[in-house]
Amino acid sequence: MSRTVYFDWHTCFREGTTRVNDKEGRGRKKKVTPTLVTLVPNALENDRLLTVRPLETKFDVSYGPMQAILTSV
């Protein structure tokens, strides 16, 4: 556990939080799935001007995996 995370937890417990689970949305985003590999090219067929950033937002995938999908299309 890093020092920063330790102090974040310490602050939460000092403020009265008693749950020990991480907040939703923290950590890595979901991995590339076969369904996603087929949905991205379909989205590109509908709108050829889409770039990596709007696609990663639309499909909730980080930049690297989205770029890998686009280069394999």
PDB file of N, CA and C in Angstrom:
ATOM      1  N   MET A   1       0.849  -1.162   0.000  1.00  0.00           N
ATOM      2  CA  MET A   1       0.000   0.000   0.000  1.00  0.00           C
ATOM      3  C   MET A   1       0.901   1.233   0.000  1.00  0.00           C
ATOM      4  N   SER A   2       0.614   2.136  -0.903  1.00  0.00           N
ATOM      5  CA  SER A   2       1.437   3.337  -0.991  1.00  0.00           C
ATOM      6  C   SER A   2       1.119   4.304   0.141  1.00  0.00           C
ATOM      7  N   ARG A   3       2.005   5.221   0.345  1.00  0.00           N
ATOM      8  CA  ARG A   3       1.839   6.218   1.406  1.00  0.00           C
ATOM      9  C   ARG A   3       0.599   7.084   1.158  1.00  0.00           C
ATOM     10  N   THR A   4       0.377   7.430  -0.103  1.00  0.00           N
ATOM     11  CA  THR A   4      -0.775   8.250  -0.454  1.00  0.00           C
ATOM     12  C   THR A   4      -2.079   7.537  -0.128  1.00  0.00           C
ATOM     13  N   VAL A   5      -2.159   6.270  -0.499  1.00  0.00           N
ATOM     14  CA  VAL A   5      -3.370   5.494  -0.227  1.00  0.00           C
ATOM     15  C   VAL A   5      -3.586   5.373   1.275  1.00  0.00           C
ATOM     16  N   TYR A   6      -2.513   5.143   2.007  1.00  0.00           N
ATOM     17  CA  TYR A   6      -2.605   5.048   3.464  1.00  0.00           C
ATOM     18  C   TYR A   6      -3.213   6.321   4.052  1.00  0.00           C
ATOM     19  N   PHE A   7      -2.723   7.475   3.630  1.00  0.00           N
ATOM     20  CA  PHE A   7      -3.245   8.734   4.158  1.00  0.00           C
ATOM     21  C   PHE A   7      -4.684   8.994   3.715  1.00  0.00           C
ATOM     22  N   ASP A   8      -5.040   8.559   2.496  1.00  0.00           N
ATOM     23  CA  ASP A   8      -6.432   8.686   2.060  1.00  0.00           C
ATOM     24  C   ASP A   8      -7.356   7.878   2.964  1.00  0.00           C
ATOM     25  N   TRP A   9      -6.968   6.643   3.263  1.00  0.00           N
ATOM     26  CA  TRP A   9      -7.764   5.785   4.143  1.00  0.00           C
ATOM     27  C   TRP A   9      -7.821   6.386   5.551  1.00  0.00           C
ATOM     28  N   HIS A  10      -6.693   6.870   6.026  1.00  0.00           N
ATOM     29  CA  HIS A  10      -6.649   7.465   7.364  1.00  0.00           C
ATOM     30  C   HIS A  10      -7.631   8.639   7.463  1.00  0.00           C
ATOM     31  N   THR A  11      -7.652   9.478   6.441  1.00  0.00           N
ATOM     32  CA  THR A  11      -8.561  10.620   6.420  1.00  0.00           C
ATOM     33  C   THR A  11     -10.017  10.156   6.434  1.00  0.00           C
ATOM     34  N   CYS A  12     -10.331   9.140   5.637  1.00  0.00           N
ATOM     35  CA  CYS A  12     -11.704   8.632   5.593  1.00  0.00           C
ATOM     36  C   CYS A  12     -12.143   8.100   6.948  1.00  0.00           C
ATOM     37  N   PHE A  13     -11.298   7.317   7.611  1.00  0.00           N
ATOM     38  CA  PHE A  13     -11.666   6.755   8.906  1.00  0.00           C
ATOM     39  C   PHE A  13     -11.754   7.827   9.988  1.00  0.00           C
ATOM     40  N   ARG A  14     -10.918   8.824   9.905  1.00  0.00           N
ATOM     41  CA  ARG A  14     -10.967   9.924  10.863  1.00  0.00           C
ATOM     42  C   ARG A  14     -12.270  10.702  10.728  1.00  0.00           C
ATOM     43  N   GLU A  15     -12.799  10.775   9.478  1.00  0.00           N
ATOM     44  CA  GLU A  15     -14.062  11.477   9.226  1.00  0.00           C
ATOM     45  C   GLU A  15     -15.280  10.623   9.553  1.00  0.00           C
ATOM     46  N   GLY A  16     -15.066   9.355   9.926  1.00  0.00           N
ATOM     47  CA  GLY A  16     -16.178   8.510  10.348  1.00  0.00           C
ATOM     48  C   GLY A  16     -16.580   7.417   9.385  1.00  0.00           C
ATOM     49  N   THR A  17     -15.915   7.293   8.253  1.00  0.00           N
ATOM     50  CA  THR A  17     -16.233   6.229   7.320  1.00  0.00           C
ATOM     51  C   THR A  17     -15.824   4.896   7.916  1.00  0.00           C
ATOM     52  N   THR A  18     -16.716   3.900   7.816  1.00  0.00           N
ATOM     53  CA  THR A  18     -16.394   2.589   8.382  1.00  0.00           C
ATOM     54  C   THR A  18     -16.299   1.501   7.325  1.00  0.00           C
ATOM     55  N   ARG A  19     -16.626   1.810   6.086  1.00  0.00           N
ATOM     56  CA  ARG A  19     -16.535   0.758   5.060  1.00  0.00           C
ATOM     57  C   ARG A  19     -15.096   0.630   4.581  1.00  0.00           C
ATOM     58  N   VAL A  20     -14.709  -0.572   4.224  1.00  0.00           N
ATOM     59  CA  VAL A  20     -13.323  -0.825   3.845  1.00  0.00           C
ATOM     60  C   VAL A  20     -13.172  -1.131   2.363  1.00  0.00           C
ATOM     61  N   ASN A  21     -14.247  -1.084   1.608  1.00  0.00           N
ATOM     62  CA  ASN A  21     -14.180  -1.353   0.174  1.00  0.00           C
ATOM     63  C   ASN A  21     -13.830  -0.083  -0.585  1.00  0.00           C
ATOM     64  N   ASP A  22     -13.182  -0.227  -1.734  1.00  0.00           N
ATOM     65  CA  ASP A  22     -12.868   0.916  -2.576  1.00  0.00           C
ATOM     66  C   ASP A  22     -14.143   1.489  -3.175  1.00  0.00           C
ATOM     67  N   LYS A  23     -14.070   2.736  -3.572  1.00  0.00           N
ATOM     68  CA  LYS A  23     -15.200   3.369  -4.245  1.00  0.00           C
ATOM     69  C   LYS A  23     -15.339   2.784  -5.643  1.00  0.00           C
ATOM     70  N   GLU A  24     -16.567   2.786  -6.150  1.00  0.00           N
ATOM     71  CA  GLU A  24     -16.798   2.332  -7.516  1.00  0.00           C
ATOM     72  C   GLU A  24     -16.090   3.255  -8.489  1.00  0.00           C
ATOM     73  N   GLY A  25     -15.620   2.705  -9.577  1.00  0.00           N
ATOM     74  CA  GLY A  25     -14.985   3.517 -10.594  1.00  0.00           C
ATOM     75  C   GLY A  25     -13.487   3.667 -10.432  1.00  0.00           C
ATOM     76  N   ARG A  26     -12.950   3.161  -9.329  1.00  0.00           N
ATOM     77  CA  ARG A  26     -11.509   3.250  -9.143  1.00  0.00           C
ATOM     78  C   ARG A  26     -10.851   2.015  -9.747  1.00  0.00           C
ATOM     79  N   GLY A  27      -9.614   2.139 -10.123  1.00  0.00           N
ATOM     80  CA  GLY A  27      -8.890   1.005 -10.677  1.00  0.00           C
ATOM     81  C   GLY A  27      -8.941   0.973 -12.188  1.00  0.00           C
ATOM     82  N   ARG A  28      -8.504  -0.119 -12.729  1.00  0.00           N
ATOM     83  CA  ARG A  28      -8.444  -0.242 -14.181  1.00  0.00           C
ATOM     84  C   ARG A  28      -9.817  -0.423 -14.783  1.00  0.00           C
ATOM     85  N   LYS A  29      -9.953   0.078 -15.994  1.00  0.00           N
ATOM     86  CA  LYS A  29     -11.199  -0.101 -16.706  1.00  0.00           C
ATOM     87  C   LYS A  29     -11.232  -1.512 -17.277  1.00  0.00           C
ATOM     88  N   LYS A  30     -12.402  -1.914 -17.764  1.00  0.00           N
ATOM     89  CA  LYS A  30     -12.553  -3.279 -18.237  1.00  0.00           C
ATOM     90  C   LYS A  30     -11.637  -3.578 -19.418  1.00  0.00           C
ATOM     91  N   LYS A  31     -11.334  -4.829 -19.570  1.00  0.00           N
ATOM     92  CA  LYS A  31     -10.457  -5.282 -20.645  1.00  0.00           C
ATOM     93  C   LYS A  31     -11.225  -5.377 -21.958  1.00  0.00           C
ATOM     94  N   VAL A  32     -10.501  -5.614 -23.011  1.00  0.00           N
ATOM     95  CA  VAL A  32     -11.091  -5.758 -24.330  1.00  0.00           C
ATOM     96  C   VAL A  32     -11.789  -7.112 -24.411  1.00  0.00           C
ATOM     97  N   THR A  33     -13.028  -7.105 -24.857  1.00  0.00           N
ATOM     98  CA  THR A  33     -13.801  -8.334 -25.021  1.00  0.00           C
ATOM     99  C   THR A  33     -14.071  -8.557 -26.510  1.00  0.00           C
ATOM    100  N   PRO A  34     -14.372  -9.784 -26.903  1.00  0.00           N
ATOM    101  CA  PRO A  34     -14.692 -10.029 -28.314  1.00  0.00           C
ATOM    102  C   PRO A  34     -15.884  -9.201 -28.802  1.00  0.00           C
ATOM    103  N   THR A  35     -16.836  -8.988 -27.930  1.00  0.00           N
ATOM    104  CA  THR A  35     -17.990  -8.160 -28.301  1.00  0.00           C
ATOM    105  C   THR A  35     -17.548  -6.740 -28.618  1.00  0.00           C
ATOM    106  N   LEU A  36     -16.643  -6.227 -27.806  1.00  0.00           N
ATOM    107  CA  LEU A  36     -16.143  -4.870 -28.003  1.00  0.00           C
ATOM    108  C   LEU A  36     -15.380  -4.760 -29.321  1.00  0.00           C
ATOM    109  N   VAL A  37     -14.654  -5.798 -29.669  1.00  0.00           N
ATOM    110  CA  VAL A  37     -13.882  -5.796 -30.916  1.00  0.00           C
ATOM    111  C   VAL A  37     -14.816  -5.718 -32.125  1.00  0.00           C
ATOM    112  N   THR A  38     -16.026  -6.229 -31.996  1.00  0.00           N
ATOM    113  CA  THR A  38     -16.981  -6.128 -33.108  1.00  0.00           C
ATOM    114  C   THR A  38     -17.789  -4.834 -33.059  1.00  0.00           C
ATOM    115  N   LEU A  39     -18.022  -4.284 -31.862  1.00  0.00           N
ATOM    116  CA  LEU A  39     -18.811  -3.055 -31.745  1.00  0.00           C
ATOM    117  C   LEU A  39     -18.056  -1.819 -32.220  1.00  0.00           C
ATOM    118  N   VAL A  40     -16.766  -1.766 -31.989  1.00  0.00           N
ATOM    119  CA  VAL A  40     -15.983  -0.583 -32.370  1.00  0.00           C
ATOM    120  C   VAL A  40     -15.967  -0.391 -33.889  1.00  0.00           C
ATOM    121  N   PRO A  41     -15.683  -1.422 -34.682  1.00  0.00           N
ATOM    122  CA  PRO A  41     -15.743  -1.207 -36.141  1.00  0.00           C
ATOM    123  C   PRO A  41     -17.140  -0.804 -36.627  1.00  0.00           C
ATOM    124  N   ASN A  42     -18.180  -1.345 -35.981  1.00  0.00           N
ATOM    125  CA  ASN A  42     -19.539  -0.944 -36.363  1.00  0.00           C
ATOM    126  C   ASN A  42     -19.773   0.530 -36.072  1.00  0.00           C
ATOM    127  N   ALA A  43     -19.278   1.011 -34.951  1.00  0.00           N
ATOM    128  CA  ALA A  43     -19.414   2.429 -34.610  1.00  0.00           C
ATOM    129  C   ALA A  43     -18.649   3.290 -35.608  1.00  0.00           C
ATOM    130  N   LEU A  44     -17.498   2.802 -36.059  1.00  0.00           N
ATOM    131  CA  LEU A  44     -16.720   3.554 -37.044  1.00  0.00           C
ATOM    132  C   LEU A  44     -17.397   3.592 -38.402  1.00  0.00           C
ATOM    133  N   GLU A  45     -18.115   2.531 -38.748  1.00  0.00           N
ATOM    134  CA  GLU A  45     -18.845   2.530 -40.019  1.00  0.00           C
ATOM    135  C   GLU A  45     -19.955   3.580 -39.995  1.00  0.00           C
ATOM    136  N   ASN A  46     -20.564   3.763 -38.826  1.00  0.00           N
ATOM    137  CA  ASN A  46     -21.635   4.752 -38.708  1.00  0.00           C
ATOM    138  C   ASN A  46     -21.112   6.181 -38.701  1.00  0.00           C
ATOM    139  N   ASP A  47     -19.927   6.396 -38.113  1.00  0.00           N
ATOM    140  CA  ASP A  47     -19.342   7.742 -38.040  1.00  0.00           C
ATOM    141  C   ASP A  47     -17.832   7.634 -38.220  1.00  0.00           C
ATOM    142  N   ARG A  48     -17.361   7.878 -39.432  1.00  0.00           N
ATOM    143  CA  ARG A  48     -15.945   7.715 -39.758  1.00  0.00           C
ATOM    144  C   ARG A  48     -15.058   8.783 -39.130  1.00  0.00           C
ATOM    145  N   LEU A  49     -15.630   9.835 -38.557  1.00  0.00           N
ATOM    146  CA  LEU A  49     -14.841  10.907 -37.969  1.00  0.00           C
ATOM    147  C   LEU A  49     -14.542  10.691 -36.483  1.00  0.00           C
ATOM    148  N   LEU A  50     -14.997   9.577 -35.919  1.00  0.00           N
ATOM    149  CA  LEU A  50     -14.710   9.299 -34.512  1.00  0.00           C
ATOM    150  C   LEU A  50     -13.221   9.073 -34.303  1.00  0.00           C
ATOM    151  N   THR A  51     -12.712   9.596 -33.207  1.00  0.00           N
ATOM    152  CA  THR A  51     -11.308   9.388 -32.851  1.00  0.00           C
ATOM    153  C   THR A  51     -11.242   8.492 -31.619  1.00  0.00           C
ATOM    154  N   VAL A  52     -10.033   8.242 -31.143  1.00  0.00           N
ATOM    155  CA  VAL A  52      -9.831   7.324 -30.023  1.00  0.00           C
ATOM    156  C   VAL A  52     -10.540   7.826 -28.771  1.00  0.00           C
ATOM    157  N   ARG A  53     -10.395   9.102 -28.442  1.00  0.00           N
ATOM    158  CA  ARG A  53     -10.967   9.631 -27.190  1.00  0.00           C
ATOM    159  C   ARG A  53     -12.489   9.476 -27.098  1.00  0.00           C
ATOM    160  N   PRO A  54     -13.259   9.885 -28.114  1.00  0.00           N
ATOM    161  CA  PRO A  54     -14.710   9.668 -28.009  1.00  0.00           C
ATOM    162  C   PRO A  54     -15.088   8.187 -27.949  1.00  0.00           C
ATOM    163  N   LEU A  55     -14.340   7.349 -28.651  1.00  0.00           N
ATOM    164  CA  LEU A  55     -14.641   5.920 -28.610  1.00  0.00           C
ATOM    165  C   LEU A  55     -14.355   5.320 -27.236  1.00  0.00           C
ATOM    166  N   GLU A  56     -13.253   5.735 -26.613  1.00  0.00           N
ATOM    167  CA  GLU A  56     -12.953   5.192 -25.291  1.00  0.00           C
ATOM    168  C   GLU A  56     -13.981   5.641 -24.271  1.00  0.00           C
ATOM    169  N   THR A  57     -14.517   6.849 -24.435  1.00  0.00           N
ATOM    170  CA  THR A  57     -15.574   7.316 -23.545  1.00  0.00           C
ATOM    171  C   THR A  57     -16.867   6.543 -23.780  1.00  0.00           C
ATOM    172  N   LYS A  58     -17.193   6.330 -25.040  1.00  0.00           N
ATOM    173  CA  LYS A  58     -18.426   5.637 -25.393  1.00  0.00           C
ATOM    174  C   LYS A  58     -18.429   4.190 -24.902  1.00  0.00           C
ATOM    175  N   PHE A  59     -17.291   3.504 -25.032  1.00  0.00           N
ATOM    176  CA  PHE A  59     -17.227   2.090 -24.676  1.00  0.00           C
ATOM    177  C   PHE A  59     -16.570   1.830 -23.317  1.00  0.00           C
ATOM    178  N   ASP A  60     -16.193   2.893 -22.602  1.00  0.00           N
ATOM    179  CA  ASP A  60     -15.600   2.790 -21.267  1.00  0.00           C
ATOM    180  C   ASP A  60     -14.357   1.887 -21.259  1.00  0.00           C
ATOM    181  N   VAL A  61     -13.447   2.173 -22.183  1.00  0.00           N
ATOM    182  CA  VAL A  61     -12.178   1.459 -22.289  1.00  0.00           C
ATOM    183  C   VAL A  61     -11.076   2.505 -22.331  1.00  0.00           C
ATOM    184  N   SER A  62      -9.935   2.223 -21.733  1.00  0.00           N
ATOM    185  CA  SER A  62      -8.858   3.205 -21.713  1.00  0.00           C
ATOM    186  C   SER A  62      -8.210   3.344 -23.089  1.00  0.00           C
ATOM    187  N   TYR A  63      -7.335   4.334 -23.189  1.00  0.00           N
ATOM    188  CA  TYR A  63      -6.753   4.728 -24.477  1.00  0.00           C
ATOM    189  C   TYR A  63      -5.972   3.591 -25.156  1.00  0.00           C
ATOM    190  N   GLY A  64      -5.116   2.916 -24.416  1.00  0.00           N
ATOM    191  CA  GLY A  64      -4.260   1.875 -25.002  1.00  0.00           C
ATOM    192  C   GLY A  64      -5.029   0.728 -25.645  1.00  0.00           C
ATOM    193  N   PRO A  65      -5.957   0.103 -24.917  1.00  0.00           N
ATOM    194  CA  PRO A  65      -6.734  -0.975 -25.537  1.00  0.00           C
ATOM    195  C   PRO A  65      -7.582  -0.504 -26.728  1.00  0.00           C
ATOM    196  N   MET A  66      -8.121   0.712 -26.634  1.00  0.00           N
ATOM    197  CA  MET A  66      -8.919   1.224 -27.752  1.00  0.00           C
ATOM    198  C   MET A  66      -8.042   1.434 -28.973  1.00  0.00           C
ATOM    199  N   GLN A  67      -6.856   1.950 -28.764  1.00  0.00           N
ATOM    200  CA  GLN A  67      -5.936   2.147 -29.876  1.00  0.00           C
ATOM    201  C   GLN A  67      -5.542   0.797 -30.489  1.00  0.00           C
ATOM    202  N   ALA A  68      -5.371  -0.230 -29.660  1.00  0.00           N
ATOM    203  CA  ALA A  68      -5.042  -1.570 -30.163  1.00  0.00           C
ATOM    204  C   ALA A  68      -6.173  -2.119 -31.015  1.00  0.00           C
ATOM    205  N   ILE A  69      -7.402  -1.891 -30.591  1.00  0.00           N
ATOM    206  CA  ILE A  69      -8.563  -2.348 -31.389  1.00  0.00           C
ATOM    207  C   ILE A  69      -8.585  -1.625 -32.728  1.00  0.00           C
ATOM    208  N   LEU A  70      -8.350  -0.320 -32.701  1.00  0.00           N
ATOM    209  CA  LEU A  70      -8.409   0.454 -33.943  1.00  0.00           C
ATOM    210  C   LEU A  70      -7.300   0.092 -34.917  1.00  0.00           C
ATOM    211  N   THR A  71      -6.117  -0.236 -34.406  1.00  0.00           N
ATOM    212  CA  THR A  71      -5.041  -0.605 -35.318  1.00  0.00           C
ATOM    213  C   THR A  71      -5.203  -2.016 -35.867  1.00  0.00           C
ATOM    214  N   SER A  72      -5.993  -2.836 -35.197  1.00  0.00           N
ATOM    215  CA  SER A  72      -6.199  -4.198 -35.707  1.00  0.00           C
ATOM    216  C   SER A  72      -7.357  -4.277 -36.691  1.00  0.00           C
ATOM    217  N   VAL A  73      -8.134  -3.176 -36.816  1.00  0.00           N
ATOM    218  CA  VAL A  73      -9.310  -3.176 -37.711  1.00  0.00           C
ATOM    219  C   VAL A  73      -8.865  -3.084 -39.132  1.00  0.00           C
TER     220      VAL A  73
END
